[in-house]
Amino acid sequence: MEAGPAFFAGTVCVLFGALLLVWTVARMRRGEPVVAEGSPVVAALLTVTFGAFFLAGGLWLLLNL
């Protein structure tokens, strides 16, 4: 019964985490800021951390169905 919602949530988390990581790397490679204001290093570190967190959480949900 819980397999459907877990599959959906896992897929959404994996996609969001992967796209957040790809977007962050693309911005950093072009030398563009990740956020409009604030420290570029802190912003990049936070987005990579949250991207990895969502990717790992989504994979955990998908592998534990």
PDB file of N, CA and C in Angstrom:
ATOM      1  N   MET A   1       0.811  -1.191   0.000  1.00  0.00           N
ATOM      2  CA  MET A   1       0.000   0.000   0.000  1.00  0.00           C
ATOM      3  C   MET A   1       0.858   1.260   0.000  1.00  0.00           C
ATOM      4  N   GLU A   2       1.989   1.233   0.709  1.00  0.00           N
ATOM      5  CA  GLU A   2       2.845   2.415   0.778  1.00  0.00           C
ATOM      6  C   GLU A   2       3.806   2.504  -0.389  1.00  0.00           C
ATOM      7  N   ALA A   3       3.833   1.522  -1.263  1.00  0.00           N
ATOM      8  CA  ALA A   3       4.809   1.500  -2.352  1.00  0.00           C
ATOM      9  C   ALA A   3       4.560   2.634  -3.349  1.00  0.00           C
ATOM     10  N   GLY A   4       3.327   2.948  -3.629  1.00  0.00           N
ATOM     11  CA  GLY A   4       3.018   4.006  -4.595  1.00  0.00           C
ATOM     12  C   GLY A   4       3.512   5.375  -4.145  1.00  0.00           C
ATOM     13  N   PRO A   5       3.126   5.837  -2.958  1.00  0.00           N
ATOM     14  CA  PRO A   5       3.621   7.127  -2.486  1.00  0.00           C
ATOM     15  C   PRO A   5       5.132   7.154  -2.278  1.00  0.00           C
ATOM     16  N   ALA A   6       5.719   6.053  -1.823  1.00  0.00           N
ATOM     17  CA  ALA A   6       7.172   6.014  -1.621  1.00  0.00           C
ATOM     18  C   ALA A   6       7.888   6.106  -2.955  1.00  0.00           C
ATOM     19  N   PHE A   7       7.363   5.454  -3.978  1.00  0.00           N
ATOM     20  CA  PHE A   7       7.968   5.527  -5.306  1.00  0.00           C
ATOM     21  C   PHE A   7       7.891   6.950  -5.855  1.00  0.00           C
ATOM     22  N   PHE A   8       6.737   7.575  -5.699  1.00  0.00           N
ATOM     23  CA  PHE A   8       6.572   8.956  -6.178  1.00  0.00           C
ATOM     24  C   PHE A   8       7.498   9.908  -5.434  1.00  0.00           C
ATOM     25  N   ALA A   9       7.538   9.825  -4.113  1.00  0.00           N
ATOM     26  CA  ALA A   9       8.387  10.710  -3.310  1.00  0.00           C
ATOM     27  C   ALA A   9       9.856  10.473  -3.612  1.00  0.00           C
ATOM     28  N   GLY A  10      10.258   9.215  -3.760  1.00  0.00           N
ATOM     29  CA  GLY A  10      11.644   8.903  -4.086  1.00  0.00           C
ATOM     30  C   GLY A  10      12.048   9.443  -5.437  1.00  0.00           C
ATOM     31  N   THR A  11      11.170   9.307  -6.414  1.00  0.00           N
ATOM     32  CA  THR A  11      11.457   9.810  -7.752  1.00  0.00           C
ATOM     33  C   THR A  11      11.578  11.330  -7.749  1.00  0.00           C
ATOM     34  N   VAL A  12      10.679  11.998  -7.061  1.00  0.00           N
ATOM     35  CA  VAL A  12      10.722  13.461  -6.990  1.00  0.00           C
ATOM     36  C   VAL A  12      12.002  13.927  -6.292  1.00  0.00           C
ATOM     37  N   CYS A  13      12.363  13.280  -5.197  1.00  0.00           N
ATOM     38  CA  CYS A  13      13.579  13.673  -4.471  1.00  0.00           C
ATOM     39  C   CYS A  13      14.827  13.429  -5.306  1.00  0.00           C
ATOM     40  N   VAL A  14      14.900  12.301  -5.997  1.00  0.00           N
ATOM     41  CA  VAL A  14      16.059  12.010  -6.841  1.00  0.00           C
ATOM     42  C   VAL A  14      16.169  13.035  -7.965  1.00  0.00           C
ATOM     43  N   LEU A  15      15.067  13.336  -8.620  1.00  0.00           N
ATOM     44  CA  LEU A  15      15.098  14.318  -9.707  1.00  0.00           C
ATOM     45  C   LEU A  15      15.473  15.703  -9.201  1.00  0.00           C
ATOM     46  N   PHE A  16      14.885  16.114  -8.088  1.00  0.00           N
ATOM     47  CA  PHE A  16      15.195  17.437  -7.543  1.00  0.00           C
ATOM     48  C   PHE A  16      16.658  17.528  -7.126  1.00  0.00           C
ATOM     49  N   GLY A  17      17.152  16.520  -6.417  1.00  0.00           N
ATOM     50  CA  GLY A  17      18.539  16.534  -5.972  1.00  0.00           C
ATOM     51  C   GLY A  17      19.520  16.529  -7.133  1.00  0.00           C
ATOM     52  N   ALA A  18      19.269  15.696  -8.121  1.00  0.00           N
ATOM     53  CA  ALA A  18      20.168  15.626  -9.272  1.00  0.00           C
ATOM     54  C   ALA A  18      20.154  16.931 -10.062  1.00  0.00           C
ATOM     55  N   LEU A  19      18.977  17.482 -10.286  1.00  0.00           N
ATOM     56  CA  LEU A  19      18.902  18.740 -11.039  1.00  0.00           C
ATOM     57  C   LEU A  19      19.487  19.908 -10.257  1.00  0.00           C
ATOM     58  N   LEU A  20      19.353  19.903  -8.946  1.00  0.00           N
ATOM     59  CA  LEU A  20      19.969  20.949  -8.136  1.00  0.00           C
ATOM     60  C   LEU A  20      21.488  20.873  -8.222  1.00  0.00           C
ATOM     61  N   LEU A  21      22.034  19.667  -8.194  1.00  0.00           N
ATOM     62  CA  LEU A  21      23.476  19.509  -8.330  1.00  0.00           C
ATOM     63  C   LEU A  21      23.957  19.919  -9.717  1.00  0.00           C
ATOM     64  N   VAL A  22      23.244  19.517 -10.756  1.00  0.00           N
ATOM     65  CA  VAL A  22      23.628  19.887 -12.125  1.00  0.00           C
ATOM     66  C   VAL A  22      23.559  21.400 -12.304  1.00  0.00           C
ATOM     67  N   TRP A  23      22.504  22.018 -11.794  1.00  0.00           N
ATOM     68  CA  TRP A  23      22.350  23.470 -11.922  1.00  0.00           C
ATOM     69  C   TRP A  23      23.463  24.210 -11.195  1.00  0.00           C
ATOM     70  N   THR A  24      23.795  23.749  -9.984  1.00  0.00           N
ATOM     71  CA  THR A  24      24.848  24.395  -9.203  1.00  0.00           C
ATOM     72  C   THR A  24      26.198  24.285  -9.906  1.00  0.00           C
ATOM     73  N   VAL A  25      26.523  23.111 -10.405  1.00  0.00           N
ATOM     74  CA  VAL A  25      27.798  22.920 -11.099  1.00  0.00           C
ATOM     75  C   VAL A  25      27.848  23.762 -12.363  1.00  0.00           C
ATOM     76  N   ALA A  26      26.739  23.838 -13.094  1.00  0.00           N
ATOM     77  CA  ALA A  26      26.713  24.648 -14.314  1.00  0.00           C
ATOM     78  C   ALA A  26      26.926  26.130 -14.000  1.00  0.00           C
ATOM     79  N   ARG A  27      26.299  26.615 -12.943  1.00  0.00           N
ATOM     80  CA  ARG A  27      26.484  28.024 -12.553  1.00  0.00           C
ATOM     81  C   ARG A  27      27.921  28.286 -12.117  1.00  0.00           C
ATOM     82  N   MET A  28      28.492  27.368 -11.359  1.00  0.00           N
ATOM     83  CA  MET A  28      29.846  27.558 -10.870  1.00  0.00           C
ATOM     84  C   MET A  28      30.872  27.496 -12.009  1.00  0.00           C
ATOM     85  N   ARG A  29      30.678  26.611 -12.970  1.00  0.00           N
ATOM     86  CA  ARG A  29      31.619  26.501 -14.086  1.00  0.00           C
ATOM     87  C   ARG A  29      31.618  27.750 -14.958  1.00  0.00           C
ATOM     88  N   ARG A  30      30.458  28.403 -15.077  1.00  0.00           N
ATOM     89  CA  ARG A  30      30.370  29.635 -15.862  1.00  0.00           C
ATOM     90  C   ARG A  30      30.790  30.862 -15.074  1.00  0.00           C
ATOM     91  N   GLY A  31      31.047  30.699 -13.798  1.00  0.00           N
ATOM     92  CA  GLY A  31      31.441  31.824 -12.960  1.00  0.00           C
ATOM     93  C   GLY A  31      30.289  32.714 -12.539  1.00  0.00           C
ATOM     94  N   GLU A  32      29.071  32.217 -12.669  1.00  0.00           N
ATOM     95  CA  GLU A  32      27.892  32.972 -12.279  1.00  0.00           C
ATOM     96  C   GLU A  32      27.561  32.672 -10.815  1.00  0.00           C
ATOM     97  N   PRO A  33      26.944  33.625 -10.134  1.00  0.00           N
ATOM     98  CA  PRO A  33      26.605  33.369  -8.726  1.00  0.00           C
ATOM     99  C   PRO A  33      25.473  32.355  -8.594  1.00  0.00           C
ATOM    100  N   VAL A  34      25.522  31.605  -7.522  1.00  0.00           N
ATOM    101  CA  VAL A  34      24.465  30.627  -7.249  1.00  0.00           C
ATOM    102  C   VAL A  34      23.244  31.328  -6.672  1.00  0.00           C
ATOM    103  N   VAL A  35      23.465  32.355  -5.871  1.00  0.00           N
ATOM    104  CA  VAL A  35      22.393  33.184  -5.335  1.00  0.00           C
ATOM    105  C   VAL A  35      22.696  34.642  -5.660  1.00  0.00           C
ATOM    106  N   ALA A  36      21.686  35.475  -5.601  1.00  0.00           N
ATOM    107  CA  ALA A  36      21.861  36.879  -5.963  1.00  0.00           C
ATOM    108  C   ALA A  36      22.715  37.628  -4.948  1.00  0.00           C
ATOM    109  N   GLU A  37      22.537  37.355  -3.684  1.00  0.00           N
ATOM    110  CA  GLU A  37      23.292  38.061  -2.651  1.00  0.00           C
ATOM    111  C   GLU A  37      23.845  37.052  -1.675  1.00  0.00           C
ATOM    112  N   GLY A  38      24.954  37.384  -1.048  1.00  0.00           N
ATOM    113  CA  GLY A  38      25.550  36.490  -0.070  1.00  0.00           C
ATOM    114  C   GLY A  38      26.882  35.956  -0.553  1.00  0.00           C
ATOM    115  N   SER A  39      27.456  35.143   0.271  1.00  0.00           N
ATOM    116  CA  SER A  39      28.761  34.567  -0.025  1.00  0.00           C
ATOM    117  C   SER A  39      28.635  33.470  -1.081  1.00  0.00           C
ATOM    118  N   PRO A  40      29.410  33.542  -2.154  1.00  0.00           N
ATOM    119  CA  PRO A  40      29.337  32.501  -3.183  1.00  0.00           C
ATOM    120  C   PRO A  40      29.767  31.121  -2.669  1.00  0.00           C
ATOM    121  N   VAL A  41      30.732  31.097  -1.780  1.00  0.00           N
ATOM    122  CA  VAL A  41      31.220  29.819  -1.260  1.00  0.00           C
ATOM    123  C   VAL A  41      30.161  29.153  -0.386  1.00  0.00           C
ATOM    124  N   VAL A  42      29.544  29.932   0.485  1.00  0.00           N
ATOM    125  CA  VAL A  42      28.508  29.383   1.367  1.00  0.00           C
ATOM    126  C   VAL A  42      27.299  28.924   0.549  1.00  0.00           C
ATOM    127  N   ALA A  43      26.911  29.718  -0.439  1.00  0.00           N
ATOM    128  CA  ALA A  43      25.762  29.355  -1.270  1.00  0.00           C
ATOM    129  C   ALA A  43      26.029  28.065  -2.040  1.00  0.00           C
ATOM    130  N   ALA A  44      27.213  27.945  -2.620  1.00  0.00           N
ATOM    131  CA  ALA A  44      27.551  26.730  -3.359  1.00  0.00           C
ATOM    132  C   ALA A  44      27.605  25.525  -2.427  1.00  0.00           C
ATOM    133  N   LEU A  45      28.181  25.706  -1.255  1.00  0.00           N
ATOM    134  CA  LEU A  45      28.273  24.608  -0.296  1.00  0.00           C
ATOM    135  C   LEU A  45      26.888  24.145   0.156  1.00  0.00           C
ATOM    136  N   LEU A  46      26.006  25.096   0.435  1.00  0.00           N
ATOM    137  CA  LEU A  46      24.649  24.731   0.872  1.00  0.00           C
ATOM    138  C   LEU A  46      23.856  24.040  -0.239  1.00  0.00           C
ATOM    139  N   THR A  47      23.940  24.534  -1.467  1.00  0.00           N
ATOM    140  CA  THR A  47      23.183  23.903  -2.543  1.00  0.00           C
ATOM    141  C   THR A  47      23.707  22.513  -2.857  1.00  0.00           C
ATOM    142  N   VAL A  48      25.019  22.327  -2.808  1.00  0.00           N
ATOM    143  CA  VAL A  48      25.572  20.987  -3.031  1.00  0.00           C
ATOM    144  C   VAL A  48      25.168  20.049  -1.890  1.00  0.00           C
ATOM    145  N   THR A  49      25.184  20.548  -0.664  1.00  0.00           N
ATOM    146  CA  THR A  49      24.788  19.727   0.479  1.00  0.00           C
ATOM    147  C   THR A  49      23.327  19.303   0.383  1.00  0.00           C
ATOM    148  N   PHE A  50      22.446  20.252   0.088  1.00  0.00           N
ATOM    149  CA  PHE A  50      21.025  19.910  -0.026  1.00  0.00           C
ATOM    150  C   PHE A  50      20.741  19.043  -1.247  1.00  0.00           C
ATOM    151  N   GLY A  51      21.455  19.277  -2.347  1.00  0.00           N
ATOM    152  CA  GLY A  51      21.290  18.426  -3.522  1.00  0.00           C
ATOM    153  C   GLY A  51      21.679  16.986  -3.223  1.00  0.00           C
ATOM    154  N   ALA A  52      22.809  16.808  -2.544  1.00  0.00           N
ATOM    155  CA  ALA A  52      23.246  15.461  -2.181  1.00  0.00           C
ATOM    156  C   ALA A  52      22.287  14.822  -1.175  1.00  0.00           C
ATOM    157  N   PHE A  53      21.769  15.627  -0.241  1.00  0.00           N
ATOM    158  CA  PHE A  53      20.812  15.127   0.742  1.00  0.00           C
ATOM    159  C   PHE A  53      19.541  14.617   0.063  1.00  0.00           C
ATOM    160  N   PHE A  54      18.978  15.399  -0.855  1.00  0.00           N
ATOM    161  CA  PHE A  54      17.767  14.975  -1.548  1.00  0.00           C
ATOM    162  C   PHE A  54      18.025  13.773  -2.453  1.00  0.00           C
ATOM    163  N   LEU A  55      19.177  13.747  -3.112  1.00  0.00           N
ATOM    164  CA  LEU A  55      19.515  12.606  -3.964  1.00  0.00           C
ATOM    165  C   LEU A  55      19.647  11.333  -3.139  1.00  0.00           C
ATOM    166  N   ALA A  56      20.360  11.405  -2.026  1.00  0.00           N
ATOM    167  CA  ALA A  56      20.530  10.222  -1.172  1.00  0.00           C
ATOM    168  C   ALA A  56      19.206   9.791  -0.544  1.00  0.00           C
ATOM    169  N   GLY A  57      18.410  10.764  -0.096  1.00  0.00           N
ATOM    170  CA  GLY A  57      17.114  10.415   0.489  1.00  0.00           C
ATOM    171  C   GLY A  57      16.174   9.776  -0.518  1.00  0.00           C
ATOM    172  N   GLY A  58      16.167  10.287  -1.723  1.00  0.00           N
ATOM    173  CA  GLY A  58      15.330   9.706  -2.771  1.00  0.00           C
ATOM    174  C   GLY A  58      15.772   8.307  -3.148  1.00  0.00           C
ATOM    175  N   LEU A  59      17.087   8.111  -3.226  1.00  0.00           N
ATOM    176  CA  LEU A  59      17.592   6.769  -3.525  1.00  0.00           C
ATOM    177  C   LEU A  59      17.265   5.799  -2.398  1.00  0.00           C
ATOM    178  N   TRP A  60      17.348   6.269  -1.164  1.00  0.00           N
ATOM    179  CA  TRP A  60      17.000   5.420  -0.040  1.00  0.00           C
ATOM    180  C   TRP A  60      15.531   5.011  -0.115  1.00  0.00           C
ATOM    181  N   LEU A  61      14.661   5.962  -0.457  1.00  0.00           N
ATOM    182  CA  LEU A  61      13.238   5.624  -0.586  1.00  0.00           C
ATOM    183  C   LEU A  61      12.996   4.611  -1.692  1.00  0.00           C
ATOM    184  N   LEU A  62      13.677   4.789  -2.822  1.00  0.00           N
ATOM    185  CA  LEU A  62      13.462   3.875  -3.945  1.00  0.00           C
ATOM    186  C   LEU A  62      14.035   2.486  -3.679  1.00  0.00           C
ATOM    187  N   LEU A  63      15.150   2.420  -2.966  1.00  0.00           N
ATOM    188  CA  LEU A  63      15.768   1.115  -2.721  1.00  0.00           C
ATOM    189  C   LEU A  63      15.102   0.343  -1.592  1.00  0.00           C
ATOM    190  N   ASN A  64      14.308   1.014  -0.778  1.00  0.00           N
ATOM    191  CA  ASN A  64      13.622   0.349   0.339  1.00  0.00           C
ATOM    192  C   ASN A  64      12.139   0.130   0.075  1.00  0.00           C
ATOM    193  N   LEU A  65      11.762  -0.026  -1.143  1.00  0.00           N
ATOM    194  CA  LEU A  65      10.350  -0.271  -1.461  1.00  0.00           C
ATOM    195  C   LEU A  65       9.941  -1.666  -1.070  1.00  0.00           C
TER     196      LEU A  65
END
